C-alpha atoms as a PDB file:
ATOM      1  CA  MET A   1      68.016 117.149  31.254  1.00  0.00           C
ATOM      2  CA  PRO A   2      66.014 119.950  29.442  1.00  0.00           C
ATOM      3  CA  TYR A   3      64.110 122.407  31.616  1.00  0.00           C
ATOM      4  CA  CYS A   4      61.493 125.088  31.095  1.00  0.00           C
ATOM      5  CA  LYS A   5      62.959 128.526  30.448  1.00  0.00           C
ATOM      6  CA  GLU A   6      59.993 130.169  32.175  1.00  0.00           C
ATOM      7  CA  CYS A   7      59.690 128.216  35.451  1.00  0.00           C
ATOM      8  CA  GLY A   8      62.801 126.010  35.477  1.00  0.00           C
ATOM      9  CA  ALA A   9      60.910 122.718  35.764  1.00  0.00           C
ATOM     10  CA  ASP A  10      62.328 119.565  34.155  1.00  0.00           C
ATOM     11  CA  VAL A  11      60.551 118.466  30.970  1.00  0.00           C
ATOM     12  CA  ASN A  12      60.834 115.522  28.647  1.00  0.00           C
ATOM     13  CA  GLU A  13      62.984 116.085  25.586  1.00  0.00           C
ATOM     14  CA  THR A  14      60.073 115.165  23.273  1.00  0.00           C
ATOM     15  CA  ALA A  15      57.461 117.446  24.988  1.00  0.00           C
ATOM     16  CA  LYS A  16      56.387 120.600  23.164  1.00  0.00           C
ATOM     17  CA  PHE A  17      54.872 122.357  26.202  1.00  0.00           C
ATOM     18  CA  CYS A  18      55.962 122.643  29.854  1.00  0.00           C
ATOM     19  CA  PRO A  19      53.904 120.249  32.007  1.00  0.00           C
ATOM     20  CA  LYS A  20      54.036 122.705  34.896  1.00  0.00           C
ATOM     21  CA  CYS A  21      53.427 126.193  33.505  1.00  0.00           C
ATOM     22  CA  GLY A  22      52.210 125.264  29.935  1.00  0.00           C
ATOM     23  CA  ALA A  23      54.769 127.473  28.188  1.00  0.00           C
ATOM     24  CA  LYS A  24      55.805 126.519  24.676  1.00  0.00           C
ATOM     25  CA  ARG A  25      58.909 124.495  24.544  1.00  0.00           C
ATOM     26  CA  THR A  26      62.090 126.471  24.385  1.00  0.00           C
ATOM     27  CA  TYR A  27      64.317 124.276  26.517  1.00  0.00           C
ATOM     28  CA  ARG A  28      68.011 123.859  27.211  1.00  0.00           C
ATOM     29  CA  THR A  29      70.015 121.263  29.123  1.00  0.00           C
ATOM     30  CA  LEU A  30      71.177 122.292  32.674  1.00  0.00           C
ATOM     31  CA  GLU A  31      74.905 122.169  32.964  1.00  0.00           C
ATOM     32  CA  PRO A  32      76.424 120.140  35.810  1.00  0.00           C
ATOM     33  CA  GLU A  33      77.975 123.294  37.314  1.00  0.00           C
ATOM     34  CA  GLU A  34      74.554 124.905  37.563  1.00  0.00           C
ATOM     35  CA  ARG A  35      73.195 121.807  39.292  1.00  0.00           C
ATOM     36  CA  LYS A  36      76.018 122.139  41.883  1.00  0.00           C
ATOM     37  CA  LEU A  37      74.986 125.718  42.570  1.00  0.00           C
ATOM     38  CA  ASP A  38      71.511 124.536  43.489  1.00  0.00           C
ATOM     39  CA  VAL A  39      72.943 121.907  45.848  1.00  0.00           C
ATOM     40  CA  SER A  40      75.164 124.516  47.593  1.00  0.00           C
ATOM     41  CA  ARG A  41      72.028 126.317  48.689  1.00  0.00           C
ATOM     42  CA  LEU A  42      71.506 123.506  51.203  1.00  0.00           C
ATOM     43  CA  LYS A  43      74.794 124.180  53.087  1.00  0.00           C
ATOM     44  CA  PRO A  44      73.395 126.840  55.474  1.00  0.00           C
ATOM     45  CA  ILE A  45      70.618 124.450  56.414  1.00  0.00           C
ATOM     46  CA  LEU A  46      73.091 121.628  57.038  1.00  0.00           C
ATOM     47  CA  ILE A  47      75.259 123.910  59.215  1.00  0.00           C
ATOM     48  CA  VAL A  48      72.285 124.927  61.349  1.00  0.00           C
ATOM     49  CA  VAL A  49      71.252 121.290  61.756  1.00  0.00           C
ATOM     50  CA  GLY A  50      74.832 120.350  62.727  1.00  0.00           C
ATOM     51  CA  VAL A  51      74.987 123.079  65.378  1.00  0.00           C
ATOM     52  CA  ILE A  52      71.677 121.954  66.854  1.00  0.00           C
ATOM     53  CA  ILE A  53      72.906 118.335  67.011  1.00  0.00           C
ATOM     54  CA  ALA A  54      76.149 119.446  68.710  1.00  0.00           C
ATOM     55  CA  ILE A  55      74.240 121.458  71.330  1.00  0.00           C
ATOM     56  CA  LEU A  56      71.967 118.513  72.055  1.00  0.00           C
ATOM     57  CA  PHE A  57      74.981 116.222  72.422  1.00  0.00           C
ATOM     58  CA  ILE A  58      76.691 118.592  74.878  1.00  0.00           C
ATOM     59  CA  LEU A  59      73.522 118.900  76.945  1.00  0.00           C
ATOM     60  CA  ALA A  60      73.108 115.133  77.001  1.00  0.00           C
ATOM     61  CA  VAL A  61      76.708 114.522  78.133  1.00  0.00           C
ATOM     62  CA  GLY A  62      76.577 117.326  80.730  1.00  0.00           C
ATOM     63  CA  GLY A  63      73.299 116.067  82.152  1.00  0.00           C
ATOM     64  CA  LYS A  64      74.684 112.553  82.443  1.00  0.00           C
ATOM     65  CA  PHE A  65      77.780 113.818  84.318  1.00  0.00           C
ATOM     66  CA  PHE A  66      75.652 115.899  86.696  1.00  0.00           C
ATOM     67  CA  LEU A  67      73.377 112.971  87.474  1.00  0.00           C
ATOM     68  CA  SER A  68      76.349 110.624  88.026  1.00  0.00           C
ATOM     69  CA  THR A  69      78.022 112.942  90.595  1.00  0.00           C
ATOM     70  CA  GLU A  70      74.914 113.499  92.695  1.00  0.00           C
ATOM     71  CA  PRO A  71      74.866 110.000  94.308  1.00  0.00           C
ATOM     72  CA  GLU A  72      78.492 110.468  95.478  1.00  0.00           C
ATOM     73  CA  THR A  73      77.452 113.468  97.597  1.00  0.00           C
ATOM     74  CA  THR A  74      74.671 111.404  99.139  1.00  0.00           C
ATOM     75  CA  THR A  75      77.085 108.560  99.934  1.00  0.00           C
ATOM     76  CA  THR A  76      79.534 110.907 101.696  1.00  0.00           C
ATOM     77  CA  THR A  77      76.778 112.283 103.894  1.00  0.00           C
ATOM     78  CA  VAL A  78      75.655 108.795 104.903  1.00  0.00           C
ATOM     79  CA  THR A  79      79.151 107.573 105.839  1.00  0.00           C
ATOM     80  CA  THR A  80      79.997 110.686 107.895  1.00  0.00           C
ATOM     81  CA  GLN A  81      77.234 110.113 110.463  1.00  0.00           C
ATOM     82  CA  PRO A  82      78.439 106.646 111.631  1.00  0.00           C
ATOM     83  CA  ALA A  83      81.977 108.045 112.128  1.00  0.00           C
ATOM     84  CA  ILE A  84      80.661 110.659 114.589  1.00  0.00           C
ATOM     85  CA  THR A  85      78.597 108.029 116.378  1.00  0.00           C
ATOM     86  CA  ILE A  86      81.634 105.734 116.830  1.00  0.00           C
ATOM     87  CA  ARG A  87      83.755 108.535 118.301  1.00  0.00           C
ATOM     88  CA  SER A  88      81.011 109.448 120.754  1.00  0.00           C
ATOM     89  CA  THR A  89      80.574 105.813 121.770  1.00  0.00           C
ATOM     90  CA  THR A  90      84.259 105.269 122.579  1.00  0.00           C
ATOM     91  CA  LEU A  91      84.509 108.444 124.677  1.00  0.00           C
ATOM     92  CA  ALA A  92      82.702 107.039 127.721  1.00  0.00           C
ATOM     93  CA  PRO A  93      84.870 103.895 128.151  1.00  0.00           C
ATOM     94  CA  THR A  94      88.026 105.996 127.794  1.00  0.00           C
ATOM     95  CA  THR A  95      86.899 108.394 130.515  1.00  0.00           C
ATOM     96  CA  SER A  96      85.940 105.588 132.867  1.00  0.00           C
ATOM     97  CA  THR A  97      89.295 103.905 132.247  1.00  0.00           C
ATOM     98  CA  VAL A  98      91.165 107.087 133.240  1.00  0.00           C
ATOM     99  CA  ILE A  99      89.051 107.453 136.388  1.00  0.00           C
ATOM    100  CA  SER A 100      89.623 103.794 137.225  1.00  0.00           C
ATOM    101  CA  THR A 101      93.382 104.210 136.762  1.00  0.00           C
ATOM    102  CA  ILE A 102      93.457 107.265 139.032  1.00  0.00           C
ATOM    103  CA  SER A 103      91.457 105.425 141.686  1.00  0.00           C
ATOM    104  CA  THR A 104      93.804 102.438 141.482  1.00  0.00           C
ATOM    105  CA  THR A 105      96.856 104.701 141.820  1.00  0.00           C
ATOM    106  CA  ILE A 106      95.439 106.470 144.868  1.00  0.00           C
ATOM    107  CA  SER A 107      94.485 103.173 146.451  1.00  0.00           C
ATOM    108  CA  THR A 108      97.938 101.708 145.798  1.00  0.00           C
ATOM    109  CA  THR A 109      99.706 104.754 147.222  1.00  0.00           C
ATOM    110  CA  THR A 110      97.760 104.635 150.466  1.00  0.00           C
ATOM    111  CA  THR A 111      98.416 100.917 150.992  1.00  0.00           C
ATOM    112  CA  VAL A 112     102.185 100.857 150.303  1.00  0.00           C
ATOM    113  CA  THR A 113     104.248  99.802 153.326  1.00  0.00           C
ATOM    114  CA  LEU A 114     107.988  99.928 153.826  1.00  0.00           C
ATOM    115  CA  PRO A 115     109.932  96.654 154.121  1.00  0.00           C
ATOM    116  CA  ARG A 116     111.107  95.529 157.527  1.00  0.00           C
ATOM    117  CA  TYR A 117     114.762  96.005 156.579  1.00  0.00           C
ATOM    118  CA  TYR A 118     115.049  99.368 154.849  1.00  0.00           C
ATOM    119  CA  PRO A 119     118.400 100.002 153.058  1.00  0.00           C
ATOM    120  CA  ILE A 120     120.423 103.000 154.331  1.00  0.00           C
ATOM    121  CA  GLU A 121     123.148 104.879 152.421  1.00  0.00           C
ATOM    122  CA  TRP A 122     126.612 104.924 154.017  1.00  0.00           C
ATOM    123  CA  HIS A 123     129.914 106.702 153.232  1.00  0.00           C
ATOM    124  CA  ASP A 124     133.463 107.430 154.455  1.00  0.00           C
ATOM    125  CA  MET A 125     134.469 104.020 155.798  1.00  0.00           C
ATOM    126  CA  GLY A 126     137.578 104.048 158.031  1.00  0.00           C
ATOM    127  CA  LYS A 127     140.058 101.197 158.599  1.00  0.00           C
ATOM    128  CA  CYS A 128     140.003  99.255 161.846  1.00  0.00           C
ATOM    129  CA  LYS A 129     141.656 101.411 164.521  1.00  0.00           C
ATOM    130  CA  ASP A 130     141.731 101.932 168.280  1.00  0.00           C
ATOM    131  CA  THR A 131     138.902 103.960 169.864  1.00  0.00           C
ATOM    132  CA  VAL A 132     137.737 104.503 173.449  1.00  0.00           C
ATOM    133  CA  LEU A 133     135.454 101.480 172.901  1.00  0.00           C
ATOM    134  CA  GLY A 134     138.199  99.295 171.475  1.00  0.00           C
ATOM    135  CA  LYS A 135     139.256  98.581 167.883  1.00  0.00           C
ATOM    136  CA  MET A 136     136.496  99.828 165.542  1.00  0.00           C
ATOM    137  CA  ASN A 137     135.596 100.489 161.923  1.00  0.00           C
ATOM    138  CA  THR A 138     133.954 103.915 161.811  1.00  0.00           C
ATOM    139  CA  PHE A 139     131.759 105.258 158.976  1.00  0.00           C
ATOM    140  CA  TYR A 140     128.688 107.417 158.479  1.00  0.00           C
ATOM    141  CA  VAL A 141     125.053 106.887 157.448  1.00  0.00           C
ATOM    142  CA  ASP A 142     122.134 109.191 156.622  1.00  0.00           C
ATOM    143  CA  ILE A 143     118.740 107.961 157.817  1.00  0.00           C
ATOM    144  CA  PRO A 144     116.140 109.423 155.401  1.00  0.00           C
ATOM    145  CA  SER A 145     113.278 111.730 156.368  1.00  0.00           C
ATOM    146  CA  ILE A 146     110.668 108.977 155.928  1.00  0.00           C
ATOM    147  CA  PHE A 147     111.448 108.036 159.550  1.00  0.00           C
ATOM    148  CA  VAL A 148     109.974 111.059 161.311  1.00  0.00           C
ATOM    149  CA  ASP A 149     109.481 109.507 164.742  1.00  0.00           C
ATOM    150  CA  GLN A 150     111.699 109.860 167.837  1.00  0.00           C
ATOM    151  CA  TRP A 151     113.974 107.145 169.190  1.00  0.00           C
ATOM    152  CA  ARG A 152     112.119 107.113 172.556  1.00  0.00           C
ATOM    153  CA  GLU A 153     113.031 103.918 174.435  1.00  0.00           C
ATOM    154  CA  ILE A 154     114.613 102.276 171.350  1.00  0.00           C
ATOM    155  CA  LYS A 155     118.395 102.035 171.212  1.00  0.00           C
ATOM    156  CA  PRO A 156     119.809 102.951 167.748  1.00  0.00           C
ATOM    157  CA  GLU A 157     122.180  99.958 167.995  1.00  0.00           C
ATOM    158  CA  ASP A 158     119.117  97.670 167.952  1.00  0.00           C
ATOM    159  CA  ALA A 159     117.656  99.291 164.805  1.00  0.00           C
ATOM    160  CA  LEU A 160     120.778  99.456 162.607  1.00  0.00           C
ATOM    161  CA  LEU A 161     122.351  96.297 161.121  1.00  0.00           C
ATOM    162  CA  TYR A 162     125.051  95.540 158.587  1.00  0.00           C
ATOM    163  CA  ILE A 163     125.881  92.753 156.111  1.00  0.00           C
ATOM    164  CA  CYS A 164     129.369  92.018 154.752  1.00  0.00           C
ATOM    165  CA  ASP A 165     129.516  90.199 151.397  1.00  0.00           C
ATOM    166  CA  ASN A 166     125.976  88.789 151.626  1.00  0.00           C
ATOM    167  CA  SER A 167     126.594  87.149 155.003  1.00  0.00           C
ATOM    168  CA  SER A 168     124.230  87.253 157.983  1.00  0.00           C
ATOM    169  CA  LYS A 169     122.898  90.494 159.454  1.00  0.00           C
ATOM    170  CA  TYR A 170     124.730  91.832 162.499  1.00  0.00           C
ATOM    171  CA  ASN A 171     123.906  94.726 164.771  1.00  0.00           C
ATOM    172  CA  ILE A 172     125.986  97.882 164.770  1.00  0.00           C
ATOM    173  CA  ASN A 173     128.041  98.045 167.991  1.00  0.00           C
ATOM    174  CA  LYS A 174     127.816 101.793 168.584  1.00  0.00           C
ATOM    175  CA  VAL A 175     125.731 104.627 167.127  1.00  0.00           C
ATOM    176  CA  LEU A 176     126.484 108.293 167.788  1.00  0.00           C
ATOM    177  CA  LYS A 177     125.351 111.541 166.300  1.00  0.00           C
ATOM    178  CA  LYS A 178     127.527 112.782 163.459  1.00  0.00           C
ATOM    179  CA  GLY A 179     129.384 115.143 165.790  1.00  0.00           C
ATOM    180  CA  GLY A 180     130.117 112.334 168.282  1.00  0.00           C
ATOM    181  CA  SER A 181     127.453 113.008 170.946  1.00  0.00           C
ATOM    182  CA  THR A 182     125.143 110.329 172.352  1.00  0.00           C
ATOM    183  CA  VAL A 183     121.695 109.719 170.812  1.00  0.00           C
ATOM    184  CA  GLY A 184     118.844 110.508 173.258  1.00  0.00           C
ATOM    185  CA  PRO A 185     115.212 109.270 173.432  1.00  0.00           C
ATOM    186  CA  SER A 186     113.824 112.634 172.266  1.00  0.00           C
ATOM    187  CA  ASP A 187     116.114 112.853 169.229  1.00  0.00           C
ATOM    188  CA  ARG A 188     114.479 112.414 165.850  1.00  0.00           C
ATOM    189  CA  ILE A 189     115.390 109.302 163.925  1.00  0.00           C
ATOM    190  CA  GLU A 190     116.124 111.021 160.620  1.00  0.00           C
ATOM    191  CA  GLY A 191     119.532 112.578 160.089  1.00  0.00           C
ATOM    192  CA  PRO A 192     123.280 111.798 159.857  1.00  0.00           C
ATOM    193  CA  TYR A 193     124.989 109.364 162.247  1.00  0.00           C
ATOM    194  CA  ARG A 194     128.452 108.031 163.042  1.00  0.00           C
ATOM    195  CA  ILE A 195     128.346 104.234 163.410  1.00  0.00           C
ATOM    196  CA  MET A 196     131.070 101.876 164.619  1.00  0.00           C
ATOM    197  CA  VAL A 197     131.638  98.118 164.322  1.00  0.00           C
ATOM    198  CA  LYS A 198     134.135  96.118 166.399  1.00  0.00           C
ATOM    199  CA  CYS A 199     136.990  94.669 164.418  1.00  0.00           C
ATOM    200  CA  GLY A 200     140.344  92.942 164.687  1.00  0.00           C
ATOM    201  CA  HIS A 201     139.717  90.717 167.707  1.00  0.00           C
ATOM    202  CA  THR A 202     137.024  88.241 166.661  1.00  0.00           C
ATOM    203  CA  ALA A 203     136.950  85.346 164.244  1.00  0.00           C
ATOM    204  CA  ARG A 204     133.778  86.699 162.685  1.00  0.00           C
ATOM    205  CA  ILE A 205     135.370  89.573 160.798  1.00  0.00           C
ATOM    206  CA  ASP A 206     138.680  91.439 160.853  1.00  0.00           C
ATOM    207  CA  ASP A 207     138.049  94.720 159.008  1.00  0.00           C
ATOM    208  CA  LEU A 208     134.911  96.000 157.205  1.00  0.00           C
ATOM    209  CA  VAL A 209     137.183  97.752 154.695  1.00  0.00           C
ATOM    210  CA  ASP A 210     138.124  94.304 153.400  1.00  0.00           C
ATOM    211  CA  CYS A 211     134.472  93.557 152.505  1.00  0.00           C
ATOM    212  CA  ASN A 212     133.613  93.714 148.816  1.00  0.00           C
ATOM    213  CA  ILE A 213     129.998  94.651 149.558  1.00  0.00           C
ATOM    214  CA  ILE A 214     128.711  96.334 152.720  1.00  0.00           C
ATOM    215  CA  GLU A 215     124.994  96.879 153.245  1.00  0.00           C
ATOM    216  CA  ILE A 216     123.395  98.856 156.074  1.00  0.00           C
ATOM    217  CA  TYR A 217     119.725  98.330 157.035  1.00  0.00           C
ATOM    218  CA  PHE A 218     117.244  99.987 159.366  1.00  0.00           C
ATOM    219  CA  ASP A 219     115.106  97.363 161.146  1.00  0.00           C
ATOM    220  CA  ARG A 220     111.582  98.781 161.434  1.00  0.00           C
ATOM    221  CA  SER A 221     110.359  95.833 163.512  1.00  0.00           C
ATOM    222  CA  VAL A 222     111.866  97.313 166.688  1.00  0.00           C
ATOM    223  CA  PHE A 223     109.255 100.072 166.550  1.00  0.00           C
ATOM    224  CA  LYS A 224     105.606  99.409 167.410  1.00  0.00           C
ATOM    225  CA  GLU A 225     103.290 100.109 164.468  1.00  0.00           C
END
């Protein structure tokens, strides 16, 4: 389209004067390339606008992320408090349970009583042979230190019994100290002893060595509680 040579305004091809500045018509048609040059002047403006839009977008996204993470911090704080309360609540029952257990243990320990027939360890069984008291099986026992009393008027033969192969209980026929001396009333019950059982001349039993199982017991009932 023709334009005014003085001011550059577009004018009609049939006009003799410029409608803007009034100059006499001396017009020429603007080439397409020149039109493109005018459009390129807008690029800096478009770049600035694009940068502003990008900054606004980043701020909007960043603000949204910041706002979305803030409630999570609040939630963590709220859930932590009940956890502490629960731990504090369970502490008291646990302590009382421990105290109760200790009390029960002490009470049980003080009320435990030994059985009437207390098992005694024995060793070194000898075959039936002649002694000054007749034919005897001789072996040894160790009465434990839980029996701290003295024999006093009690005969050891009345307190010690034996069982052969789960049969009836029978009294020991003779009890001596380990070295062979007689047990006296002032002697302490605890300690090692030599015990002897008659053999070979009764129908009840021939030889304790032939027993598969021999058990020795201390009868506590012969002592007054």
